[in-house]
Amino acid sequence: MKKVGVYLALFLFIASCVYASNDLKLNVTSLQDKIEAGKEANFKIHVVNNGIREDIFRIYVDELSVYPFSDFAEKITIEPNQLIIKSHEGIDVSVKVKVLSTARANINHILTIKARSLTNSELNAEDKLNIFVISPQQVISVLPIIPKDIEPGKNFDAIVYYGNRINEQFDNLKILISGVFFSESDEISLMPYENVSRDYKINIRSSVEPGDYIFSLRVYKDKELKGEYSSKVTVGASSFIREDKKVSKGLLSQVITLTEINKGNVVASKKIIYPSRFLDSLYLFIEPEAAKEGNNYAWYITLKPDEIYNIRINKDYKPIVIVLIIIISFLWVLSYLFGKQIIIKKKILKIKKEEKGAELKVLISVRNRGPELRNVKVIDIIPSYMKPSDDFGTLKPNKIQRGVMGLRFIWDIDSLQRGEERVLSYVVHYKLPVIGKIKLPAAFVQFRKNDRVFGVKSNKLIVRKR
């Protein structure tokens, strides 16, 4: 009889647990199938009360499910985490899981979400949250189709397939395609789970050395790597020297230029032949020097990739000396005219003896022989042992500056027309006895032409004792 009672009690306990577990249900909906490490996974939990009365429920996770005890969940937010549900009704709960940036990638992490009644400790339920974490560098899948063997100096086609692996929109993704021998860039935008393709024409320089190289493709979002791909490609050997010929004709002259360019990617050799004629040596000038093979000139060259070899064959029937004289004379005339556009002269107009010295009247003439000049400055220095008077003739200096050597007169002339001459004068006195001679420094004129500053000095003056 006792055994029957024990079995009956056990049956009622199990039945109550099954009944209680059926009274509370959790339906989990994941809002994305993959999540990037360091980002937030979002879930919707529909909590259903199948009980016969209204109840209060708490939604939670174990404390050991969060960092530092968890190796992938940094923070878990449940809103709301406590709710009142009427009988046979359900309420949605939002669960956000912040994934650690150090979480292991490319594996499925499992988190248990729990619910229990606050009025009946036997009424509880739980379900699993599956979070597949991918590396931030693998959010965008990159799959290019490129040839394994590449011929230098030609374009090759590359088709690249891009795929967004997560439920997030990416705008203005920057794509960098690079290798030792080239560099390309592009920009795309991807909707959640969208796949697109791009076609590229990539040029390989003809001088790229044969061998194996890395083809690299990276996808960035705001300088953060989101996807990448790299593989090995092989550049083959190419040997080719191209010749470009240019002929320039002039009066009784002809210049032939042969340009040899190694457009391959390995060292190449070539023999170049130019036929000669009788009396060529009298008017033919060749650079560089060639070997003579019978009636022909010959050059043997060996060029590295991209190396250039020029041959210049000049046929000139005019004496080269005459040409040089004409050129030198022309340059000298230009230099003379350019440097002597302004002529400045300085002279003493009169000397008046005084009791202990003399009075000097100095005259400066400035004449423009060329086109109009603007903002012309005339500068003259008065030695310290001389004293100027206020007699400046028609034009008074704009500035008078005192320096170590004496006074400096500065006249500013706004404009000086072609052929125009300006005359400046001033009077100075000196009280020291004149022994031998006195030297007055040269005047100086400064002007601007073609955004360059030029200056011309006058003659110096010597005052002798009389």
Protein backbone atom coordinates (compact mmCIF):
# COMPACT_ATOMS: atom_id res chain seq x y z
CA MET A 1 0.00 0.00 0.00
CA LYS A 2 2.89 2.35 0.78
CA LYS A 3 4.43 1.66 -2.63
CA VAL A 4 1.20 2.64 -4.34
CA GLY A 5 1.18 5.93 -2.45
CA VAL A 6 4.80 6.69 -3.41
CA TYR A 7 4.15 5.94 -7.09
CA LEU A 8 1.03 8.10 -7.03
CA ALA A 9 2.89 11.06 -5.51
CA LEU A 10 5.72 10.70 -8.03
CA PHE A 11 3.23 10.62 -10.89
CA LEU A 12 1.46 13.75 -9.65
CA PHE A 13 4.82 15.57 -9.31
CA ILE A 14 5.91 14.71 -12.84
CA ALA A 15 2.53 15.59 -14.24
CA SER A 16 2.60 18.97 -12.48
CA CYS A 17 6.08 19.69 -13.90
CA VAL A 18 4.99 18.79 -17.42
CA TYR A 19 1.88 20.85 -17.01
CA ALA A 20 3.90 23.77 -15.65
CA SER A 21 6.44 23.58 -18.46
CA ASN A 22 3.66 23.60 -21.02
CA ASP A 23 2.08 26.64 -19.36
CA LEU A 24 5.13 28.84 -20.28
CA LYS A 25 6.64 28.94 -23.78
CA LEU A 26 9.57 30.87 -25.31
CA ASN A 27 9.69 31.31 -29.09
CA VAL A 28 13.07 32.68 -30.25
CA THR A 29 13.49 34.60 -33.51
CA SER A 30 17.00 35.66 -34.61
CA LEU A 31 17.08 38.92 -36.57
CA GLN A 32 20.36 37.94 -38.31
CA ASP A 33 22.00 34.62 -39.04
CA LYS A 34 25.57 35.93 -38.66
CA ILE A 35 27.06 38.69 -36.55
CA GLU A 36 30.39 40.50 -36.79
CA ALA A 37 32.69 40.29 -33.78
CA GLY A 38 32.41 43.50 -31.80
CA LYS A 39 28.84 44.17 -33.03
CA GLU A 40 25.39 43.53 -31.50
CA ALA A 41 23.17 40.48 -32.15
CA ASN A 42 19.41 41.09 -31.93
CA PHE A 43 16.71 38.56 -31.01
CA LYS A 44 12.96 38.67 -30.52
CA ILE A 45 11.57 36.39 -27.79
CA HIS A 46 7.83 35.76 -27.83
CA VAL A 47 6.83 34.78 -24.27
CA VAL A 48 3.48 32.88 -24.11
CA ASN A 49 1.46 32.26 -20.93
CA ASN A 50 -0.61 29.09 -21.50
CA GLY A 51 -1.66 29.00 -17.88
CA ILE A 52 -5.20 29.39 -16.55
CA ARG A 53 -4.49 32.73 -14.88
CA GLU A 54 -2.57 35.96 -15.32
CA ASP A 55 1.01 35.78 -14.09
CA ILE A 56 4.24 37.82 -13.66
CA PHE A 57 7.34 36.55 -15.41
CA ARG A 58 11.02 37.46 -15.30
CA ILE A 59 13.25 37.02 -18.37
CA TYR A 60 16.95 36.57 -17.62
CA VAL A 61 20.27 34.86 -18.34
CA ASP A 62 22.71 33.35 -15.91
CA GLU A 63 25.43 35.67 -14.61
CA LEU A 64 28.04 33.26 -15.91
CA SER A 65 26.78 33.91 -19.45
CA VAL A 66 28.34 37.40 -19.55
CA TYR A 67 31.94 38.63 -19.63
CA PRO A 68 34.30 38.02 -17.85
CA PHE A 69 32.84 34.52 -17.48
CA SER A 70 31.81 34.33 -21.13
CA ASP A 71 34.32 34.37 -24.00
CA PHE A 72 31.91 35.94 -26.51
CA ALA A 73 29.10 37.91 -24.75
CA GLU A 74 30.25 41.32 -23.48
CA LYS A 75 26.81 42.63 -22.49
CA ILE A 76 23.21 41.34 -22.64
CA THR A 77 20.24 43.70 -22.62
CA ILE A 78 16.67 42.37 -22.14
CA GLU A 79 13.75 44.78 -22.60
CA PRO A 80 11.44 44.36 -20.81
CA ASN A 81 12.92 41.84 -18.43
CA GLN A 82 9.79 41.60 -16.30
CA LEU A 83 6.24 41.45 -17.68
CA ILE A 84 2.67 40.64 -16.78
CA ILE A 85 0.97 38.27 -19.22
CA LYS A 86 -2.68 37.38 -19.21
CA SER A 87 -3.80 33.79 -19.65
CA HIS A 88 -3.27 32.40 -23.15
CA GLU A 89 -1.57 35.59 -24.37
CA GLY A 90 1.99 36.43 -25.35
CA ILE A 91 4.34 39.44 -25.28
CA ASP A 92 7.47 40.12 -27.32
CA VAL A 93 10.77 40.74 -25.56
CA SER A 94 13.86 42.29 -27.19
CA VAL A 95 17.21 40.70 -26.42
CA LYS A 96 20.45 42.38 -27.51
CA VAL A 97 23.78 40.61 -27.14
CA LYS A 98 26.94 42.75 -27.52
CA VAL A 99 29.59 40.38 -28.90
CA LEU A 100 33.17 40.76 -27.74
CA SER A 101 35.58 41.98 -30.42
CA THR A 102 37.86 39.12 -29.35
CA ALA A 103 35.18 36.45 -29.74
CA ARG A 104 36.29 33.40 -31.70
CA ALA A 105 35.15 33.67 -35.31
CA ASN A 106 33.49 31.17 -37.64
CA ILE A 107 31.88 29.15 -34.86
CA ASN A 108 28.36 29.06 -33.39
CA HIS A 109 28.10 30.41 -29.83
CA ILE A 110 25.09 29.33 -27.72
CA LEU A 111 23.43 31.42 -25.02
CA THR A 112 20.57 30.18 -22.83
CA ILE A 113 17.66 32.58 -22.25
CA LYS A 114 15.38 31.78 -19.31
CA ALA A 115 11.94 32.78 -18.00
CA ARG A 116 10.26 31.99 -14.70
CA SER A 117 7.11 32.94 -12.85
CA LEU A 118 7.49 35.19 -9.83
CA THR A 119 4.42 33.60 -8.23
CA ASN A 120 5.08 29.93 -8.99
CA SER A 121 8.68 28.74 -8.73
CA GLU A 122 7.82 25.57 -10.64
CA LEU A 123 6.64 27.53 -13.67
CA ASN A 124 9.71 28.24 -15.83
CA ALA A 125 11.07 27.78 -19.36
CA GLU A 126 14.27 28.27 -21.36
CA ASP A 127 15.53 28.31 -24.95
CA LYS A 128 18.79 28.68 -26.87
CA LEU A 129 20.12 31.77 -28.64
CA ASN A 130 22.45 30.72 -31.46
CA ILE A 131 25.03 33.36 -32.42
CA PHE A 132 27.34 32.61 -35.34
CA VAL A 133 30.26 35.03 -35.06
CA ILE A 134 32.35 36.04 -38.05
CA SER A 135 35.57 38.05 -38.12
CA PRO A 136 35.25 41.81 -38.93
CA GLN A 137 37.65 41.15 -41.79
CA GLN A 138 35.26 38.56 -43.25
CA VAL A 139 32.02 40.53 -43.27
CA ILE A 140 32.35 41.11 -47.01
CA SER A 141 33.16 37.99 -49.01
CA VAL A 142 35.56 38.55 -51.90
CA LEU A 143 35.97 36.06 -54.74
CA PRO A 144 37.97 37.16 -57.80
CA ILE A 145 38.38 35.25 -61.05
CA ILE A 146 41.81 36.05 -62.49
CA PRO A 147 44.28 34.22 -64.74
CA LYS A 148 47.17 32.49 -63.04
CA ASP A 149 49.66 33.35 -65.81
CA ILE A 150 49.97 36.98 -66.94
CA GLU A 151 51.76 38.43 -69.95
CA PRO A 152 53.60 41.70 -69.19
CA GLY A 153 52.72 44.84 -71.13
CA LYS A 154 49.10 43.79 -71.67
CA ASN A 155 45.81 44.20 -69.83
CA PHE A 156 44.17 41.25 -68.12
CA ASP A 157 40.52 40.98 -67.09
CA ALA A 158 39.54 40.37 -63.48
CA ILE A 159 35.97 39.60 -62.39
CA VAL A 160 35.41 40.05 -58.65
CA TYR A 161 32.31 38.91 -56.76
CA TYR A 162 31.46 40.76 -53.53
CA GLY A 163 28.93 39.50 -50.98
CA ASN A 164 27.50 41.02 -47.80
CA ARG A 165 27.34 38.20 -45.23
CA ILE A 166 25.37 40.02 -42.54
CA ASN A 167 22.08 41.85 -42.06
CA GLU A 168 23.58 45.30 -42.29
CA GLN A 169 23.76 47.86 -45.10
CA PHE A 170 27.18 49.14 -46.17
CA ASP A 171 27.49 52.37 -48.16
CA ASN A 172 30.63 53.66 -49.87
CA LEU A 173 32.85 50.64 -49.34
CA LYS A 174 36.34 51.42 -50.62
CA ILE A 175 38.06 48.69 -52.60
CA LEU A 176 41.83 48.57 -53.12
CA ILE A 177 43.24 46.15 -55.67
CA SER A 178 47.02 46.05 -55.58
CA GLY A 179 50.16 44.16 -56.33
CA VAL A 180 53.84 44.90 -56.76
CA PHE A 181 53.17 45.96 -60.33
CA PHE A 182 49.80 47.78 -60.27
CA SER A 183 47.22 49.57 -58.14
CA GLU A 184 43.49 50.08 -58.73
CA SER A 185 40.62 51.39 -56.59
CA ASP A 186 36.83 51.19 -56.64
CA GLU A 187 33.80 51.97 -54.48
CA ILE A 188 30.59 49.97 -53.97
CA SER A 189 27.55 49.84 -51.66
CA LEU A 190 25.90 46.63 -50.47
CA MET A 191 22.44 45.95 -49.03
CA PRO A 192 22.07 43.19 -46.39
CA TYR A 193 23.05 39.81 -47.92
CA GLU A 194 23.48 41.41 -51.37
CA ASN A 195 25.92 39.96 -53.90
CA VAL A 196 27.40 42.00 -56.76
CA SER A 197 30.20 41.61 -59.31
CA ARG A 198 32.65 44.05 -60.84
CA ASP A 199 34.82 43.82 -63.96
CA TYR A 200 38.31 45.33 -63.94
CA LYS A 201 40.97 45.75 -66.62
CA ILE A 202 44.38 45.69 -64.99
CA ASN A 203 47.53 46.73 -66.84
CA ILE A 204 50.86 45.07 -66.11
CA ARG A 205 53.90 47.15 -66.97
CA SER A 206 56.05 45.58 -69.64
CA SER A 207 59.12 45.97 -67.40
CA VAL A 208 57.79 43.82 -64.54
CA GLU A 209 60.31 41.07 -63.92
CA PRO A 210 59.13 37.52 -64.52
CA GLY A 211 58.19 35.62 -61.40
CA ASP A 212 55.46 35.02 -58.83
CA TYR A 213 53.60 37.97 -57.29
CA ILE A 214 50.79 38.45 -54.78
CA PHE A 215 47.45 39.72 -56.09
CA SER A 216 45.75 41.49 -53.17
CA LEU A 217 42.23 42.82 -52.81
CA ARG A 218 40.92 44.60 -49.69
CA VAL A 219 37.53 46.09 -48.80
CA TYR A 220 37.39 48.95 -46.26
CA LYS A 221 34.62 50.79 -44.46
CA ASP A 222 35.90 54.02 -42.90
CA LYS A 223 39.47 52.63 -42.82
CA GLU A 224 38.28 49.39 -41.15
CA LEU A 225 39.01 46.19 -43.06
CA LYS A 226 35.80 44.31 -43.91
CA GLY A 227 36.99 41.75 -46.42
CA GLU A 228 40.14 40.65 -48.18
CA TYR A 229 41.58 38.21 -50.66
CA SER A 230 45.07 37.41 -51.85
CA SER A 231 46.51 34.86 -54.24
CA LYS A 232 49.63 34.19 -56.30
CA VAL A 233 49.91 35.13 -59.97
CA THR A 234 52.80 34.40 -62.33
CA VAL A 235 54.27 36.96 -64.74
CA GLY A 236 55.97 35.39 -67.74
CA ALA A 237 59.16 36.44 -69.57
CA SER A 238 59.00 38.79 -72.58
CA SER A 239 61.91 39.93 -74.82
CA PHE A 240 61.23 42.79 -77.25
CA ILE A 241 63.19 45.92 -78.29
CA ARG A 242 61.06 48.47 -80.11
CA GLU A 243 62.56 51.08 -82.48
CA ASP A 244 61.05 54.54 -82.99
CA LYS A 245 62.38 56.62 -85.89
CA LYS A 246 62.00 60.38 -86.13
CA VAL A 247 63.20 62.51 -89.05
CA SER A 248 63.50 66.28 -88.77
CA LYS A 249 64.31 68.32 -91.90
CA GLY A 250 65.59 71.90 -92.01
CA LEU A 251 67.38 74.26 -94.34
CA LEU A 252 70.20 72.18 -95.84
CA SER A 253 70.06 69.84 -92.84
CA GLN A 254 68.45 66.62 -91.66
CA VAL A 255 68.39 64.97 -88.24
CA ILE A 256 67.46 61.30 -87.86
CA THR A 257 66.79 60.06 -84.33
CA LEU A 258 66.56 56.33 -83.63
CA THR A 259 65.14 55.46 -80.21
CA GLU A 260 65.53 51.88 -79.05
CA ILE A 261 63.36 50.89 -76.05
CA ASN A 262 63.37 47.53 -74.30
CA LYS A 263 59.63 46.89 -73.86
CA GLY A 264 60.18 43.42 -72.45
CA ASN A 265 60.90 42.35 -68.88
CA VAL A 266 64.27 40.65 -69.43
CA VAL A 267 67.64 41.86 -70.73
CA ALA A 268 67.68 41.89 -74.56
CA SER A 269 70.29 42.49 -77.28
CA LYS A 270 70.03 43.92 -80.80
CA LYS A 271 72.20 44.92 -83.77
CA ILE A 272 71.36 48.24 -85.49
CA ILE A 273 72.55 48.97 -89.05
CA TYR A 274 72.63 52.35 -90.85
CA PRO A 275 73.92 52.48 -94.46
CA SER A 276 76.65 55.03 -95.28
CA ARG A 277 77.42 56.81 -98.56
CA PHE A 278 80.45 58.33 -100.23
CA LEU A 279 81.73 61.54 -98.56
CA ASP A 280 79.35 61.07 -95.59
CA SER A 281 82.22 61.88 -93.26
CA LEU A 282 82.28 65.49 -94.53
CA TYR A 283 78.79 66.36 -93.30
CA LEU A 284 77.62 63.40 -91.17
CA PHE A 285 77.76 63.62 -87.37
CA ILE A 286 76.76 60.50 -85.42
CA GLU A 287 76.09 60.04 -81.70
CA PRO A 288 77.11 57.74 -80.16
CA GLU A 289 80.08 56.54 -82.15
CA ALA A 290 79.37 53.52 -84.34
CA ALA A 291 81.47 50.65 -85.62
CA LYS A 292 82.17 50.60 -89.37
CA GLU A 293 81.26 47.37 -91.15
CA GLY A 294 82.00 47.80 -94.86
CA ASN A 295 79.81 50.66 -96.07
CA ASN A 296 77.55 50.54 -93.01
CA TYR A 297 77.52 51.93 -89.49
CA ALA A 298 76.67 49.37 -86.80
CA TRP A 299 75.69 49.50 -83.11
CA TYR A 300 75.51 46.48 -80.81
CA ILE A 301 73.32 47.23 -77.81
CA THR A 302 72.13 45.35 -74.72
CA LEU A 303 69.27 46.93 -72.78
CA LYS A 304 67.65 46.26 -69.45
CA PRO A 305 63.84 46.43 -69.18
CA ASP A 306 62.60 49.97 -69.88
CA GLU A 307 66.12 51.11 -70.75
CA ILE A 308 66.35 53.56 -73.69
CA TYR A 309 69.16 53.90 -76.25
CA ASN A 310 69.17 56.94 -78.55
CA ILE A 311 71.11 57.28 -81.82
CA ARG A 312 71.33 60.72 -83.42
CA ILE A 313 72.42 61.02 -87.07
CA ASN A 314 72.90 64.67 -88.07
CA LYS A 315 73.43 65.70 -91.69
CA ASP A 316 74.45 69.40 -91.79
CA TYR A 317 75.84 71.08 -94.89
CA LYS A 318 76.43 74.48 -93.25
CA PRO A 319 79.57 75.33 -91.35
CA ILE A 320 78.77 74.72 -87.70
CA VAL A 321 80.93 77.64 -86.64
CA ILE A 322 78.68 80.16 -88.41
CA VAL A 323 75.66 78.77 -86.62
CA LEU A 324 77.37 79.06 -83.24
CA ILE A 325 78.48 82.64 -83.94
CA ILE A 326 74.96 83.64 -84.91
CA ILE A 327 73.49 82.07 -81.79
CA ILE A 328 76.10 83.60 -79.46
CA SER A 329 75.73 87.02 -81.09
CA PHE A 330 71.95 86.84 -80.81
CA LEU A 331 72.12 85.91 -77.13
CA TRP A 332 74.64 88.70 -76.46
CA VAL A 333 72.41 91.31 -78.11
CA LEU A 334 69.40 90.14 -76.10
CA SER A 335 71.44 90.26 -72.90
CA TYR A 336 72.71 93.75 -73.69
CA LEU A 337 69.30 95.17 -74.55
CA PHE A 338 67.68 93.54 -71.53
CA GLY A 339 70.30 94.73 -69.06
CA LYS A 340 70.57 98.33 -70.43
CA GLN A 341 66.92 99.25 -70.72
CA ILE A 342 67.49 102.05 -68.22
CA ILE A 343 70.49 104.37 -68.40
CA ILE A 344 71.40 106.32 -65.26
CA LYS A 345 74.10 109.00 -65.15
CA LYS A 346 75.43 111.06 -62.27
CA LYS A 347 77.39 114.29 -62.57
CA ILE A 348 78.31 117.47 -60.67
CA LEU A 349 76.55 120.48 -62.13
CA LYS A 350 78.58 123.10 -60.26
CA ILE A 351 80.97 123.62 -57.35
CA LYS A 352 80.77 126.72 -55.18
CA LYS A 353 83.66 127.36 -52.83
CA GLU A 354 82.90 128.32 -49.24
CA GLU A 355 85.01 129.52 -46.34
CA LYS A 356 85.85 126.02 -45.07
CA GLY A 357 84.67 123.68 -47.78
CA ALA A 358 82.42 123.87 -50.77
CA GLU A 359 78.88 123.52 -52.06
CA LEU A 360 78.15 120.86 -54.66
CA LYS A 361 75.11 120.54 -56.90
CA VAL A 362 74.68 116.91 -58.01
CA LEU A 363 72.57 115.95 -61.04
CA ILE A 364 71.13 112.45 -61.70
CA SER A 365 69.49 111.66 -65.03
CA VAL A 366 67.38 108.49 -65.59
CA ARG A 367 66.26 107.53 -69.13
CA ASN A 368 64.09 104.59 -70.22
CA ARG A 369 65.11 103.06 -73.57
CA GLY A 370 62.52 100.28 -73.58
CA PRO A 371 58.80 99.71 -72.89
CA GLU A 372 57.02 101.50 -70.07
CA LEU A 373 58.25 100.70 -66.57
CA ARG A 374 56.30 101.20 -63.36
CA ASN A 375 57.35 101.54 -59.72
CA VAL A 376 60.91 102.68 -60.44
CA LYS A 377 63.18 103.54 -57.47
CA VAL A 378 66.23 105.80 -57.64
CA ILE A 379 68.63 105.59 -54.70
CA ASP A 380 71.68 107.72 -53.94
CA ILE A 381 73.93 107.82 -50.85
CA ILE A 382 75.30 111.07 -49.36
CA PRO A 383 78.54 110.49 -47.40
CA SER A 384 78.39 111.25 -43.69
CA TYR A 385 80.82 114.18 -43.94
CA MET A 386 78.42 116.02 -46.27
CA LYS A 387 75.34 117.96 -45.26
CA PRO A 388 72.39 118.24 -47.67
CA SER A 389 70.38 121.40 -48.15
CA ASP A 390 66.66 121.69 -48.88
CA ASP A 391 67.27 122.50 -52.54
CA PHE A 392 66.11 119.43 -54.48
CA GLY A 393 65.28 120.94 -57.82
CA THR A 394 62.02 119.67 -59.36
CA LEU A 395 61.56 116.42 -57.40
CA LYS A 396 62.14 115.97 -53.70
CA PRO A 397 63.12 112.48 -52.40
CA ASN A 398 60.18 110.44 -51.09
CA LYS A 399 62.33 109.05 -48.29
CA ILE A 400 65.52 110.13 -46.55
CA GLN A 401 67.12 107.40 -44.45
CA ARG A 402 70.13 107.65 -42.16
CA GLY A 403 72.62 104.80 -42.16
CA VAL A 404 76.18 103.99 -41.16
CA MET A 405 77.65 105.40 -44.39
CA GLY A 406 75.53 108.56 -44.35
CA LEU A 407 72.14 109.62 -45.71
CA ARG A 408 70.25 107.73 -48.36
CA PHE A 409 67.89 109.59 -50.75
CA ILE A 410 65.10 107.49 -52.29
CA TRP A 411 62.92 108.75 -55.15
CA ASP A 412 59.81 106.71 -56.15
CA ILE A 413 58.81 107.15 -59.80
CA ASP A 414 55.38 105.69 -60.54
CA SER A 415 55.81 105.40 -64.30
CA LEU A 416 58.59 105.86 -66.84
CA GLN A 417 57.47 105.82 -70.47
CA ARG A 418 59.61 104.69 -73.41
CA GLY A 419 62.16 107.43 -74.18
CA GLU A 420 61.20 109.45 -71.07
CA GLU A 421 63.98 110.99 -69.00
CA ARG A 422 63.79 112.19 -65.41
CA VAL A 423 66.34 114.61 -63.93
CA LEU A 424 66.92 114.65 -60.16
CA SER A 425 69.18 117.12 -58.35
CA TYR A 426 70.24 118.06 -54.87
CA VAL A 427 72.75 120.36 -53.15
CA VAL A 428 75.24 119.30 -50.46
CA HIS A 429 77.87 121.14 -48.37
CA TYR A 430 81.04 119.84 -46.82
CA LYS A 431 83.15 121.71 -44.26
CA LEU A 432 86.23 119.53 -44.29
CA PRO A 433 89.23 120.77 -46.26
CA VAL A 434 89.64 118.98 -49.54
CA ILE A 435 92.97 117.19 -49.74
CA GLY A 436 93.50 115.38 -52.98
CA LYS A 437 90.06 114.16 -54.05
CA ILE A 438 86.62 113.14 -52.76
CA LYS A 439 84.70 110.14 -54.15
CA LEU A 440 80.91 110.14 -54.39
CA PRO A 441 79.31 106.65 -54.67
CA ALA A 442 77.30 105.60 -57.71
CA ALA A 443 73.55 106.15 -57.77
CA PHE A 444 71.32 103.12 -58.23
CA VAL A 445 68.03 102.60 -60.09
CA GLN A 446 65.80 99.59 -59.35
CA PHE A 447 62.85 98.40 -61.46
CA ARG A 448 60.64 95.34 -61.94
CA LYS A 449 60.11 93.54 -65.25
CA ASN A 450 58.34 90.24 -65.91
CA ASP A 451 58.01 89.63 -62.15
CA ARG A 452 61.79 89.99 -61.71
CA VAL A 453 63.70 92.82 -60.03
CA PHE A 454 66.61 94.43 -61.90
CA GLY A 455 69.07 97.12 -60.90
CA VAL A 456 71.46 99.43 -62.79
CA LYS A 457 74.27 101.55 -61.29
CA SER A 458 75.46 104.93 -62.49
CA ASN A 459 79.02 106.14 -62.71
CA LYS A 460 80.92 107.26 -59.60
CA LEU A 461 81.99 110.90 -59.11
CA ILE A 462 85.38 112.25 -58.10
CA VAL A 463 85.72 115.81 -56.76
CA ARG A 464 89.29 117.11 -57.01
CA LYS A 465 90.80 120.01 -55.06
CA ARG A 466 91.00 123.21 -57.06
